[in-house]
Amino acid sequence: MTVGILVDPSCDLPTPWYQGYQVTLVPNSLMLNDQTLVDKRDVAASQAFYRPTSAKQRAKAERPYDQHIAAPNLNPDSNHNGPFYPGINSNGPADALTANLPYQYDQLLIVTPYPSLSLSLPSVRATLTQAQPQIDALRQAARLVRPFRVRVLDSQSGYAGYGLVLHQALRLLGRKGYSVDQLKQSLDGFKVSLTTFVQPGQRAFDTAMLRKPPYQLGWLRRQQLKLTARRPIFQLDSDGAHWVQSRANANFENDFLAFAHDRLMRARLSKPLVNLSYAGDLAHLREQPMFTAMHRQIRQQGGTLLYSMMALSSALQLGLGALSLAFVETR
């Protein structure tokens, strides 16, 4: 019995965790002005995006997607309520499910983020229903007698929190004989103790995005953000995103790390792991004074800090410089 895991690229976790493990990533193809980007958590591609070499490239990276100048054959997904750019690989999950996965694994766990935060997995259950006959035929032709069992887990989180759910899944898979049902049951218990925060970035940030799920901010609060030029901090859970506080724009990255440091000081970590993702150059993040202070605080609590570049699709949604933090605490 072999169990595989399928995730969206917005699952923020350092790249080594995707290599050498039973993880399949459904890439997102994105349209940014006149350029097509493939989001598959490739380090070199992410660094090239987050470190533009010219002022012209930087200006282009900082502009949100404009549907009026998109290629005519690339239409935004009208059924998707999240980002303001299109995913152009709508068959991604179906292609993955009918390609190598039925031969590689006997069981599969599909882990999804909060529904509107995913380009590739918003309707995965419908995709499964459509693809199941083809999957059964492929396995029968390959003389694989065991039925291909698939389960879907809604992580009820996103960004760094989504990454921690994957990390826990991989840790559990290290135990021999863990079935997909046992894995899902354990993760259902794990995710309720998950705490996830997110702060939109400064550049390319559009407050109109915040009126959509999971944020759903009213017009008045969005106008306040525009007039005061502040960055909101949200907490994500099964009910959506909840406003925690807002921070000034002057050094919003360091301010978020200061918020994270204070929050971690009050947390009772039930798992010695903290996950941080950043829509930017990690070298710049490490230069922030509060990064060192936060890292020291985590070590003092006997924990480990994982940090990685945020997925390109999330960066285009939230803006460059966006941050997300997640940890598991005793409720």
C-alpha atoms as a PDB file:
ATOM      1  CA  MET A   1       0.000   0.000   0.000  1.00  0.00           C
ATOM      2  CA  THR A   2       1.448   3.344  -1.083  1.00  0.00           C
ATOM      3  CA  VAL A   3      -0.051   6.737  -0.239  1.00  0.00           C
ATOM      4  CA  GLY A   4       0.642   9.902  -2.230  1.00  0.00           C
ATOM      5  CA  ILE A   5      -0.267  13.550  -1.597  1.00  0.00           C
ATOM      6  CA  LEU A   6      -1.473  16.128  -4.122  1.00  0.00           C
ATOM      7  CA  VAL A   7      -1.269  19.860  -3.316  1.00  0.00           C
ATOM      8  CA  ASP A   8      -1.582  23.312  -4.868  1.00  0.00           C
ATOM      9  CA  PRO A   9       1.575  25.488  -5.325  1.00  0.00           C
ATOM     10  CA  SER A  10       0.233  27.928  -2.704  1.00  0.00           C
ATOM     11  CA  CYS A  11       1.264  25.362  -0.079  1.00  0.00           C
ATOM     12  CA  ASP A  12       4.206  27.332   1.364  1.00  0.00           C
ATOM     13  CA  LEU A  13       6.984  25.048   2.559  1.00  0.00           C
ATOM     14  CA  PRO A  14      10.726  25.019   1.751  1.00  0.00           C
ATOM     15  CA  THR A  15      11.455  23.242  -1.522  1.00  0.00           C
ATOM     16  CA  PRO A  16      13.390  20.275  -0.012  1.00  0.00           C
ATOM     17  CA  TRP A  17      10.143  19.047   1.521  1.00  0.00           C
ATOM     18  CA  TYR A  18       8.778  18.588  -1.999  1.00  0.00           C
ATOM     19  CA  GLN A  19      11.810  16.622  -3.145  1.00  0.00           C
ATOM     20  CA  GLY A  20      12.246  13.001  -2.214  1.00  0.00           C
ATOM     21  CA  TYR A  21       8.774  12.772  -0.687  1.00  0.00           C
ATOM     22  CA  GLN A  22       5.467  11.428  -1.975  1.00  0.00           C
ATOM     23  CA  VAL A  23       4.185  14.864  -3.013  1.00  0.00           C
ATOM     24  CA  THR A  24       2.716  15.828  -6.375  1.00  0.00           C
ATOM     25  CA  LEU A  25       2.293  19.514  -7.158  1.00  0.00           C
ATOM     26  CA  VAL A  26      -0.352  20.754  -9.592  1.00  0.00           C
ATOM     27  CA  PRO A  27       1.329  23.801 -11.199  1.00  0.00           C
ATOM     28  CA  ASN A  28      -0.522  27.030 -11.882  1.00  0.00           C
ATOM     29  CA  SER A  29      -0.059  28.855 -15.180  1.00  0.00           C
ATOM     30  CA  LEU A  30      -0.543  32.579 -14.639  1.00  0.00           C
ATOM     31  CA  MET A  31      -0.900  35.568 -16.913  1.00  0.00           C
ATOM     32  CA  LEU A  32       0.841  38.732 -15.701  1.00  0.00           C
ATOM     33  CA  ASN A  33       0.290  41.481 -18.259  1.00  0.00           C
ATOM     34  CA  ASP A  34       2.051  40.136 -21.385  1.00  0.00           C
ATOM     35  CA  GLN A  35       3.968  37.361 -19.630  1.00  0.00           C
ATOM     36  CA  THR A  36       3.004  33.785 -18.779  1.00  0.00           C
ATOM     37  CA  LEU A  37       4.370  32.457 -15.503  1.00  0.00           C
ATOM     38  CA  VAL A  38       4.311  28.852 -14.319  1.00  0.00           C
ATOM     39  CA  ASP A  39       3.999  28.566 -10.566  1.00  0.00           C
ATOM     40  CA  LYS A  40       5.480  25.234  -9.485  1.00  0.00           C
ATOM     41  CA  ARG A  41       7.549  26.317  -6.457  1.00  0.00           C
ATOM     42  CA  ASP A  42      10.740  26.417  -8.505  1.00  0.00           C
ATOM     43  CA  VAL A  43      13.416  28.275  -6.499  1.00  0.00           C
ATOM     44  CA  ALA A  44      15.192  29.774  -9.516  1.00  0.00           C
ATOM     45  CA  ALA A  45      11.944  31.016 -11.083  1.00  0.00           C
ATOM     46  CA  SER A  46      10.794  32.497  -7.779  1.00  0.00           C
ATOM     47  CA  GLN A  47      14.104  34.265  -7.245  1.00  0.00           C
ATOM     48  CA  ALA A  48      13.966  35.665 -10.775  1.00  0.00           C
ATOM     49  CA  PHE A  49      10.481  36.989 -10.104  1.00  0.00           C
ATOM     50  CA  TYR A  50      11.317  38.456  -6.702  1.00  0.00           C
ATOM     51  CA  ARG A  51      14.651  39.926  -7.840  1.00  0.00           C
ATOM     52  CA  PRO A  52      13.932  41.769 -11.122  1.00  0.00           C
ATOM     53  CA  THR A  53      17.151  43.015 -12.673  1.00  0.00           C
ATOM     54  CA  SER A  54      15.877  46.308 -14.033  1.00  0.00           C
ATOM     55  CA  ALA A  55      13.575  49.124 -13.020  1.00  0.00           C
ATOM     56  CA  LYS A  56      11.316  48.250 -15.960  1.00  0.00           C
ATOM     57  CA  GLN A  57      10.984  44.656 -14.790  1.00  0.00           C
ATOM     58  CA  ARG A  58      10.327  45.813 -11.236  1.00  0.00           C
ATOM     59  CA  ALA A  59       7.539  48.131 -12.392  1.00  0.00           C
ATOM     60  CA  LYS A  60       5.969  45.305 -14.376  1.00  0.00           C
ATOM     61  CA  ALA A  61       6.166  42.897 -11.437  1.00  0.00           C
ATOM     62  CA  GLU A  62       4.485  45.434  -9.194  1.00  0.00           C
ATOM     63  CA  ARG A  63       1.452  45.913 -11.468  1.00  0.00           C
ATOM     64  CA  PRO A  64      -1.532  43.668 -10.795  1.00  0.00           C
ATOM     65  CA  TYR A  65      -3.015  41.624 -13.571  1.00  0.00           C
ATOM     66  CA  ASP A  66      -5.072  43.663 -16.040  1.00  0.00           C
ATOM     67  CA  GLN A  67      -7.670  41.517 -17.797  1.00  0.00           C
ATOM     68  CA  HIS A  68      -8.032  44.129 -20.577  1.00  0.00           C
ATOM     69  CA  ILE A  69      -4.563  43.411 -21.954  1.00  0.00           C
ATOM     70  CA  ALA A  70      -4.547  39.652 -21.478  1.00  0.00           C
ATOM     71  CA  ALA A  71      -4.125  37.406 -24.478  1.00  0.00           C
ATOM     72  CA  PRO A  72      -7.582  36.897 -26.032  1.00  0.00           C
ATOM     73  CA  ASN A  73      -7.505  33.108 -25.650  1.00  0.00           C
ATOM     74  CA  LEU A  74      -6.703  33.261 -21.922  1.00  0.00           C
ATOM     75  CA  ASN A  75      -9.923  33.944 -20.097  1.00  0.00           C
ATOM     76  CA  PRO A  76     -10.189  34.478 -16.325  1.00  0.00           C
ATOM     77  CA  ASP A  77     -11.980  31.719 -14.483  1.00  0.00           C
ATOM     78  CA  SER A  78     -15.364  33.312 -13.868  1.00  0.00           C
ATOM     79  CA  ASN A  79     -16.191  30.723 -11.203  1.00  0.00           C
ATOM     80  CA  HIS A  80     -13.215  31.639  -9.065  1.00  0.00           C
ATOM     81  CA  ASN A  81     -13.640  34.310  -6.397  1.00  0.00           C
ATOM     82  CA  GLY A  82     -10.046  34.700  -5.330  1.00  0.00           C
ATOM     83  CA  PRO A  83      -7.234  36.275  -7.362  1.00  0.00           C
ATOM     84  CA  PHE A  84      -7.635  38.954 -10.028  1.00  0.00           C
ATOM     85  CA  TYR A  85      -5.613  37.020 -12.625  1.00  0.00           C
ATOM     86  CA  PRO A  86      -6.503  33.810 -14.464  1.00  0.00           C
ATOM     87  CA  GLY A  87      -5.278  30.299 -13.996  1.00  0.00           C
ATOM     88  CA  ILE A  88      -4.931  28.937 -17.524  1.00  0.00           C
ATOM     89  CA  ASN A  89      -4.440  25.269 -16.634  1.00  0.00           C
ATOM     90  CA  SER A  90      -7.966  24.372 -15.599  1.00  0.00           C
ATOM     91  CA  ASN A  91      -7.307  20.710 -16.434  1.00  0.00           C
ATOM     92  CA  GLY A  92      -4.340  20.511 -14.038  1.00  0.00           C
ATOM     93  CA  PRO A  93      -5.924  18.228 -11.394  1.00  0.00           C
ATOM     94  CA  ALA A  94      -7.567  16.008 -14.005  1.00  0.00           C
ATOM     95  CA  ASP A  95      -4.281  15.649 -15.887  1.00  0.00           C
ATOM     96  CA  ALA A  96      -2.454  14.704 -12.677  1.00  0.00           C
ATOM     97  CA  LEU A  97      -5.108  12.203 -11.658  1.00  0.00           C
ATOM     98  CA  THR A  98      -5.096  10.428 -15.008  1.00  0.00           C
ATOM     99  CA  ALA A  99      -1.350  10.546 -15.716  1.00  0.00           C
ATOM    100  CA  ASN A 100       1.136   8.860 -13.381  1.00  0.00           C
ATOM    101  CA  LEU A 101      -0.636   8.967 -10.033  1.00  0.00           C
ATOM    102  CA  PRO A 102      -2.866   5.893 -10.567  1.00  0.00           C
ATOM    103  CA  TYR A 103       0.283   3.872 -11.296  1.00  0.00           C
ATOM    104  CA  GLN A 104       2.464   5.348  -8.546  1.00  0.00           C
ATOM    105  CA  TYR A 105       0.073   5.014  -5.619  1.00  0.00           C
ATOM    106  CA  ASP A 106      -2.778   2.884  -4.357  1.00  0.00           C
ATOM    107  CA  GLN A 107      -4.167   5.727  -2.265  1.00  0.00           C
ATOM    108  CA  LEU A 108      -4.081   9.493  -2.651  1.00  0.00           C
ATOM    109  CA  LEU A 109      -4.763  12.377  -0.289  1.00  0.00           C
ATOM    110  CA  ILE A 110      -5.582  15.688  -1.957  1.00  0.00           C
ATOM    111  CA  VAL A 111      -4.909  18.544   0.464  1.00  0.00           C
ATOM    112  CA  THR A 112      -6.544  21.829  -0.493  1.00  0.00           C
ATOM    113  CA  PRO A 113      -6.246  25.362   0.901  1.00  0.00           C
ATOM    114  CA  TYR A 114      -9.179  27.579   1.788  1.00  0.00           C
ATOM    115  CA  PRO A 115     -11.266  27.145  -1.418  1.00  0.00           C
ATOM    116  CA  SER A 116     -10.987  30.641  -2.902  1.00  0.00           C
ATOM    117  CA  LEU A 117      -7.199  30.705  -2.386  1.00  0.00           C
ATOM    118  CA  SER A 118      -6.587  27.915  -4.893  1.00  0.00           C
ATOM    119  CA  LEU A 119      -6.413  28.225  -8.670  1.00  0.00           C
ATOM    120  CA  SER A 120      -5.895  24.532  -9.367  1.00  0.00           C
ATOM    121  CA  LEU A 121      -8.027  22.774  -6.747  1.00  0.00           C
ATOM    122  CA  PRO A 122     -11.248  24.779  -6.248  1.00  0.00           C
ATOM    123  CA  SER A 123     -13.493  22.042  -7.649  1.00  0.00           C
ATOM    124  CA  VAL A 124     -11.416  18.947  -7.034  1.00  0.00           C
ATOM    125  CA  ARG A 125     -14.360  16.780  -5.941  1.00  0.00           C
ATOM    126  CA  ALA A 126     -16.135  17.384  -9.241  1.00  0.00           C
ATOM    127  CA  THR A 127     -12.896  16.600 -11.068  1.00  0.00           C
ATOM    128  CA  LEU A 128     -12.587  13.336  -9.140  1.00  0.00           C
ATOM    129  CA  THR A 129     -16.100  12.261 -10.075  1.00  0.00           C
ATOM    130  CA  GLN A 130     -15.408  12.911 -13.751  1.00  0.00           C
ATOM    131  CA  ALA A 131     -11.981  11.285 -13.748  1.00  0.00           C
ATOM    132  CA  GLN A 132     -12.820   8.155 -11.720  1.00  0.00           C
ATOM    133  CA  PRO A 133     -13.954   5.963 -14.665  1.00  0.00           C
ATOM    134  CA  GLN A 134     -10.762   6.769 -16.573  1.00  0.00           C
ATOM    135  CA  ILE A 135      -8.637   6.092 -13.475  1.00  0.00           C
ATOM    136  CA  ASP A 136     -10.308   2.702 -12.971  1.00  0.00           C
ATOM    137  CA  ALA A 137      -9.758   1.799 -16.631  1.00  0.00           C
ATOM    138  CA  LEU A 138      -6.082   2.762 -16.469  1.00  0.00           C
ATOM    139  CA  ARG A 139      -5.447   0.670 -13.369  1.00  0.00           C
ATOM    140  CA  GLN A 140      -7.336  -2.273 -14.816  1.00  0.00           C
ATOM    141  CA  ALA A 141      -5.259  -2.091 -18.002  1.00  0.00           C
ATOM    142  CA  ALA A 142      -2.112  -2.036 -15.871  1.00  0.00           C
ATOM    143  CA  ARG A 143      -3.401  -5.068 -13.921  1.00  0.00           C
ATOM    144  CA  LEU A 144      -3.436  -3.193 -10.645  1.00  0.00           C
ATOM    145  CA  VAL A 145      -6.050  -5.023  -8.609  1.00  0.00           C
ATOM    146  CA  ARG A 146      -6.360  -2.677  -5.650  1.00  0.00           C
ATOM    147  CA  PRO A 147      -8.949   0.080  -6.050  1.00  0.00           C
ATOM    148  CA  PHE A 148      -7.495   3.582  -6.263  1.00  0.00           C
ATOM    149  CA  ARG A 149      -8.750   5.244  -3.088  1.00  0.00           C
ATOM    150  CA  VAL A 150      -8.797   9.063  -2.982  1.00  0.00           C
ATOM    151  CA  ARG A 151      -9.628  11.345  -0.065  1.00  0.00           C
ATOM    152  CA  VAL A 152      -9.854  15.157  -0.011  1.00  0.00           C
ATOM    153  CA  LEU A 153      -8.765  17.184   3.011  1.00  0.00           C
ATOM    154  CA  ASP A 154      -9.712  20.853   3.268  1.00  0.00           C
ATOM    155  CA  SER A 155      -6.879  22.339   5.321  1.00  0.00           C
ATOM    156  CA  GLN A 156      -9.149  25.327   6.188  1.00  0.00           C
ATOM    157  CA  SER A 157      -6.049  27.473   5.906  1.00  0.00           C
ATOM    158  CA  GLY A 158      -3.670  28.910   3.345  1.00  0.00           C
ATOM    159  CA  TYR A 159      -0.110  30.062   2.706  1.00  0.00           C
ATOM    160  CA  ALA A 160       2.148  29.095   5.652  1.00  0.00           C
ATOM    161  CA  GLY A 161      -0.696  27.285   7.428  1.00  0.00           C
ATOM    162  CA  TYR A 162      -1.352  25.155   4.358  1.00  0.00           C
ATOM    163  CA  GLY A 163       2.355  24.334   4.353  1.00  0.00           C
ATOM    164  CA  LEU A 164       2.261  23.140   7.973  1.00  0.00           C
ATOM    165  CA  VAL A 165      -0.599  20.769   7.160  1.00  0.00           C
ATOM    166  CA  LEU A 166       1.530  19.253   4.396  1.00  0.00           C
ATOM    167  CA  HIS A 167       4.528  19.041   6.756  1.00  0.00           C
ATOM    168  CA  GLN A 168       2.430  17.129   9.292  1.00  0.00           C
ATOM    169  CA  ALA A 169       1.106  14.824   6.568  1.00  0.00           C
ATOM    170  CA  LEU A 170       4.641  13.972   5.463  1.00  0.00           C
ATOM    171  CA  ARG A 171       5.688  13.316   9.058  1.00  0.00           C
ATOM    172  CA  LEU A 172       2.771  10.928   9.511  1.00  0.00           C
ATOM    173  CA  LEU A 173       3.540   9.157   6.240  1.00  0.00           C
ATOM    174  CA  GLY A 174       6.912   8.270   7.728  1.00  0.00           C
ATOM    175  CA  ARG A 175       5.042   5.784   9.866  1.00  0.00           C
ATOM    176  CA  LYS A 176       4.753   2.430   8.139  1.00  0.00           C
ATOM    177  CA  GLY A 177       1.293   1.219   7.280  1.00  0.00           C
ATOM    178  CA  TYR A 178      -0.468   4.575   7.563  1.00  0.00           C
ATOM    179  CA  SER A 179      -3.524   4.460   5.295  1.00  0.00           C
ATOM    180  CA  VAL A 180      -5.074   7.448   3.576  1.00  0.00           C
ATOM    181  CA  ASP A 181      -8.080   7.277   5.916  1.00  0.00           C
ATOM    182  CA  GLN A 182      -5.845   7.261   9.002  1.00  0.00           C
ATOM    183  CA  LEU A 183      -3.870  10.137   7.532  1.00  0.00           C
ATOM    184  CA  LYS A 184      -6.971  12.239   6.882  1.00  0.00           C
ATOM    185  CA  GLN A 185      -8.405  11.520  10.322  1.00  0.00           C
ATOM    186  CA  SER A 186      -5.206  12.597  12.050  1.00  0.00           C
ATOM    187  CA  LEU A 187      -4.918  15.774   9.955  1.00  0.00           C
ATOM    188  CA  ASP A 188      -8.541  16.674  10.678  1.00  0.00           C
ATOM    189  CA  GLY A 189      -7.533  16.823  14.337  1.00  0.00           C
ATOM    190  CA  PHE A 190      -4.282  18.642  13.617  1.00  0.00           C
ATOM    191  CA  LYS A 191      -5.760  21.509  11.599  1.00  0.00           C
ATOM    192  CA  VAL A 192      -8.070  22.732  14.387  1.00  0.00           C
ATOM    193  CA  SER A 193      -5.000  23.681  16.465  1.00  0.00           C
ATOM    194  CA  LEU A 194      -3.421  25.569  13.581  1.00  0.00           C
ATOM    195  CA  THR A 195      -2.967  29.344  13.845  1.00  0.00           C
ATOM    196  CA  THR A 196      -2.293  31.218  10.600  1.00  0.00           C
ATOM    197  CA  PHE A 197      -1.721  34.933  10.048  1.00  0.00           C
ATOM    198  CA  VAL A 198      -1.326  36.800   6.775  1.00  0.00           C
ATOM    199  CA  GLN A 199      -0.453  40.379   5.879  1.00  0.00           C
ATOM    200  CA  PRO A 200      -0.883  41.662   2.304  1.00  0.00           C
ATOM    201  CA  GLY A 201       2.101  43.256   0.646  1.00  0.00           C
ATOM    202  CA  GLN A 202       2.738  46.881  -0.130  1.00  0.00           C
ATOM    203  CA  ARG A 203       3.312  46.849  -3.867  1.00  0.00           C
ATOM    204  CA  ALA A 204       0.595  45.733  -6.278  1.00  0.00           C
ATOM    205  CA  PHE A 205      -1.807  45.388  -3.379  1.00  0.00           C
ATOM    206  CA  ASP A 206      -5.413  46.094  -4.310  1.00  0.00           C
ATOM    207  CA  THR A 207      -7.895  46.490  -1.458  1.00  0.00           C
ATOM    208  CA  ALA A 208     -10.686  45.337  -3.804  1.00  0.00           C
ATOM    209  CA  MET A 209      -9.286  41.831  -3.368  1.00  0.00           C
ATOM    210  CA  LEU A 210     -10.279  42.025   0.301  1.00  0.00           C
ATOM    211  CA  ARG A 211     -13.999  42.125  -0.483  1.00  0.00           C
ATOM    212  CA  LYS A 212     -13.795  38.528  -1.737  1.00  0.00           C
ATOM    213  CA  PRO A 213     -13.559  35.325   0.323  1.00  0.00           C
ATOM    214  CA  PRO A 214     -11.971  34.572   2.648  1.00  0.00           C
ATOM    215  CA  TYR A 215     -11.435  38.244   3.623  1.00  0.00           C
ATOM    216  CA  GLN A 216     -14.836  39.767   2.814  1.00  0.00           C
ATOM    217  CA  LEU A 217     -14.073  43.251   4.140  1.00  0.00           C
ATOM    218  CA  GLY A 218     -16.848  45.822   3.859  1.00  0.00           C
ATOM    219  CA  TRP A 219     -16.568  49.005   1.830  1.00  0.00           C
ATOM    220  CA  LEU A 220     -15.957  51.238   4.872  1.00  0.00           C
ATOM    221  CA  ARG A 221     -13.025  49.204   6.189  1.00  0.00           C
ATOM    222  CA  ARG A 222     -11.456  49.070   2.724  1.00  0.00           C
ATOM    223  CA  GLN A 223     -11.775  52.826   2.378  1.00  0.00           C
ATOM    224  CA  GLN A 224     -10.091  53.272   5.748  1.00  0.00           C
ATOM    225  CA  LEU A 225      -7.162  51.182   4.525  1.00  0.00           C
ATOM    226  CA  LYS A 226      -6.822  53.334   1.418  1.00  0.00           C
ATOM    227  CA  LEU A 227      -6.982  56.630   3.309  1.00  0.00           C
ATOM    228  CA  THR A 228      -4.629  55.637   6.133  1.00  0.00           C
ATOM    229  CA  ALA A 229      -2.218  53.638   3.910  1.00  0.00           C
ATOM    230  CA  ARG A 230      -2.006  50.811   6.417  1.00  0.00           C
ATOM    231  CA  ARG A 231      -1.572  47.072   5.990  1.00  0.00           C
ATOM    232  CA  PRO A 232      -4.131  44.754   7.651  1.00  0.00           C
ATOM    233  CA  ILE A 233      -3.187  41.545   9.454  1.00  0.00           C
ATOM    234  CA  PHE A 234      -5.691  38.695   9.244  1.00  0.00           C
ATOM    235  CA  GLN A 235      -6.047  35.387  11.014  1.00  0.00           C
ATOM    236  CA  LEU A 236      -7.279  32.484   8.865  1.00  0.00           C
ATOM    237  CA  ASP A 237      -9.443  29.680  10.208  1.00  0.00           C
ATOM    238  CA  SER A 238     -12.368  27.509   9.117  1.00  0.00           C
ATOM    239  CA  ASP A 239     -14.720  30.514   9.169  1.00  0.00           C
ATOM    240  CA  GLY A 240     -12.527  32.605   6.875  1.00  0.00           C
ATOM    241  CA  ALA A 241     -10.263  35.576   7.569  1.00  0.00           C
ATOM    242  CA  HIS A 242     -10.639  37.720  10.680  1.00  0.00           C
ATOM    243  CA  TRP A 243      -9.176  41.206  11.032  1.00  0.00           C
ATOM    244  CA  VAL A 244      -6.596  41.267  13.849  1.00  0.00           C
ATOM    245  CA  GLN A 245      -4.989  44.699  13.502  1.00  0.00           C
ATOM    246  CA  SER A 246      -3.352  47.004  10.972  1.00  0.00           C
ATOM    247  CA  ARG A 247       0.203  48.275  10.685  1.00  0.00           C
ATOM    248  CA  ALA A 248       1.799  51.350   9.114  1.00  0.00           C
ATOM    249  CA  ASN A 249       3.414  51.085   5.697  1.00  0.00           C
ATOM    250  CA  ALA A 250       6.788  52.531   6.738  1.00  0.00           C
ATOM    251  CA  ASN A 251       8.449  49.167   7.422  1.00  0.00           C
ATOM    252  CA  PHE A 252       5.529  46.793   7.247  1.00  0.00           C
ATOM    253  CA  GLU A 253       7.662  43.648   6.906  1.00  0.00           C
ATOM    254  CA  ASN A 254       9.551  44.316  10.122  1.00  0.00           C
ATOM    255  CA  ASP A 255       6.293  45.358  11.809  1.00  0.00           C
ATOM    256  CA  PHE A 256       4.707  42.021  10.902  1.00  0.00           C
ATOM    257  CA  LEU A 257       7.717  40.189  12.332  1.00  0.00           C
ATOM    258  CA  ALA A 258       7.349  42.252  15.520  1.00  0.00           C
ATOM    259  CA  PHE A 259       3.684  41.195  15.660  1.00  0.00           C
ATOM    260  CA  ALA A 260       4.747  37.570  15.117  1.00  0.00           C
ATOM    261  CA  HIS A 261       7.365  37.821  17.881  1.00  0.00           C
ATOM    262  CA  ASP A 262       4.814  39.178  20.364  1.00  0.00           C
ATOM    263  CA  ARG A 263       2.223  36.576  19.396  1.00  0.00           C
ATOM    264  CA  LEU A 264       4.689  33.715  19.730  1.00  0.00           C
ATOM    265  CA  MET A 265       5.722  34.914  23.187  1.00  0.00           C
ATOM    266  CA  ARG A 266       2.116  34.381  24.312  1.00  0.00           C
ATOM    267  CA  ALA A 267       1.616  31.093  22.465  1.00  0.00           C
ATOM    268  CA  ARG A 268       1.822  27.639  23.995  1.00  0.00           C
ATOM    269  CA  LEU A 269       3.279  25.712  21.088  1.00  0.00           C
ATOM    270  CA  SER A 270       2.015  22.140  20.943  1.00  0.00           C
ATOM    271  CA  LYS A 271       4.323  21.378  18.002  1.00  0.00           C
ATOM    272  CA  PRO A 272       7.907  22.718  17.958  1.00  0.00           C
ATOM    273  CA  LEU A 273       7.593  24.179  14.477  1.00  0.00           C
ATOM    274  CA  VAL A 274       6.857  27.646  13.065  1.00  0.00           C
ATOM    275  CA  ASN A 275       6.378  28.258   9.340  1.00  0.00           C
ATOM    276  CA  LEU A 276       6.940  31.649   7.676  1.00  0.00           C
ATOM    277  CA  SER A 277       6.508  32.572   4.011  1.00  0.00           C
ATOM    278  CA  TYR A 278       7.426  35.828   2.282  1.00  0.00           C
ATOM    279  CA  ALA A 279       6.600  37.208  -1.154  1.00  0.00           C
ATOM    280  CA  GLY A 280      10.069  38.557  -1.729  1.00  0.00           C
ATOM    281  CA  ASP A 281      13.799  37.997  -1.447  1.00  0.00           C
ATOM    282  CA  LEU A 282      14.558  35.927   1.660  1.00  0.00           C
ATOM    283  CA  ALA A 283      17.884  37.719   2.088  1.00  0.00           C
ATOM    284  CA  HIS A 284      15.949  40.962   2.557  1.00  0.00           C
ATOM    285  CA  LEU A 285      13.685  39.293   5.105  1.00  0.00           C
ATOM    286  CA  ARG A 286      16.646  38.032   7.137  1.00  0.00           C
ATOM    287  CA  GLU A 287      18.007  41.584   7.292  1.00  0.00           C
ATOM    288  CA  GLN A 288      14.972  42.785   9.234  1.00  0.00           C
ATOM    289  CA  PRO A 289      15.859  43.401  12.918  1.00  0.00           C
ATOM    290  CA  MET A 290      12.779  41.542  14.183  1.00  0.00           C
ATOM    291  CA  PHE A 291      13.587  38.457  12.119  1.00  0.00           C
ATOM    292  CA  THR A 292      16.523  37.711  14.416  1.00  0.00           C
ATOM    293  CA  ALA A 293      14.445  38.468  17.512  1.00  0.00           C
ATOM    294  CA  MET A 294      11.599  36.221  16.355  1.00  0.00           C
ATOM    295  CA  HIS A 295      13.977  33.407  15.444  1.00  0.00           C
ATOM    296  CA  ARG A 296      15.601  33.649  18.875  1.00  0.00           C
ATOM    297  CA  GLN A 297      12.199  33.522  20.552  1.00  0.00           C
ATOM    298  CA  ILE A 298      11.276  30.355  18.638  1.00  0.00           C
ATOM    299  CA  ARG A 299      14.542  28.657  19.629  1.00  0.00           C
ATOM    300  CA  GLN A 300      14.008  29.600  23.270  1.00  0.00           C
ATOM    301  CA  GLN A 301      10.682  27.762  23.116  1.00  0.00           C
ATOM    302  CA  GLY A 302      12.450  24.690  21.753  1.00  0.00           C
ATOM    303  CA  GLY A 303      11.061  25.232  18.273  1.00  0.00           C
ATOM    304  CA  THR A 304      12.349  25.330  14.711  1.00  0.00           C
ATOM    305  CA  LEU A 305      11.667  28.022  12.122  1.00  0.00           C
ATOM    306  CA  LEU A 306      10.938  27.021   8.539  1.00  0.00           C
ATOM    307  CA  TYR A 307      10.789  29.858   6.029  1.00  0.00           C
ATOM    308  CA  SER A 308      10.398  30.011   2.289  1.00  0.00           C
ATOM    309  CA  MET A 309       9.389  32.213  -0.612  1.00  0.00           C
ATOM    310  CA  MET A 310       5.650  32.562  -1.013  1.00  0.00           C
ATOM    311  CA  ALA A 311       4.119  30.989  -4.105  1.00  0.00           C
ATOM    312  CA  LEU A 312       4.005  33.292  -7.134  1.00  0.00           C
ATOM    313  CA  SER A 313       0.231  32.897  -7.390  1.00  0.00           C
ATOM    314  CA  SER A 314      -0.159  34.067  -3.788  1.00  0.00           C
ATOM    315  CA  ALA A 315       2.233  36.967  -4.368  1.00  0.00           C
ATOM    316  CA  LEU A 316       0.198  38.160  -7.343  1.00  0.00           C
ATOM    317  CA  GLN A 317      -2.927  37.947  -5.238  1.00  0.00           C
ATOM    318  CA  LEU A 318      -1.590  39.613  -2.072  1.00  0.00           C
ATOM    319  CA  GLY A 319       1.143  41.866  -3.478  1.00  0.00           C
ATOM    320  CA  LEU A 320       4.917  41.766  -3.260  1.00  0.00           C
ATOM    321  CA  GLY A 321       6.156  41.772   0.303  1.00  0.00           C
ATOM    322  CA  ALA A 322       3.196  39.780   1.656  1.00  0.00           C
ATOM    323  CA  LEU A 323       3.901  37.602   4.685  1.00  0.00           C
ATOM    324  CA  SER A 324       2.276  34.603   6.317  1.00  0.00           C
ATOM    325  CA  LEU A 325       3.040  32.906   9.636  1.00  0.00           C
ATOM    326  CA  ALA A 326       1.684  29.639  11.013  1.00  0.00           C
ATOM    327  CA  PHE A 327       2.181  27.513  14.118  1.00  0.00           C
ATOM    328  CA  VAL A 328       0.288  24.930  16.166  1.00  0.00           C
ATOM    329  CA  GLU A 329      -0.708  25.878  19.689  1.00  0.00           C
ATOM    330  CA  THR A 330      -2.610  24.359  22.587  1.00  0.00           C
ATOM    331  CA  ARG A 331      -6.128  25.777  22.654  1.00  0.00           C
END
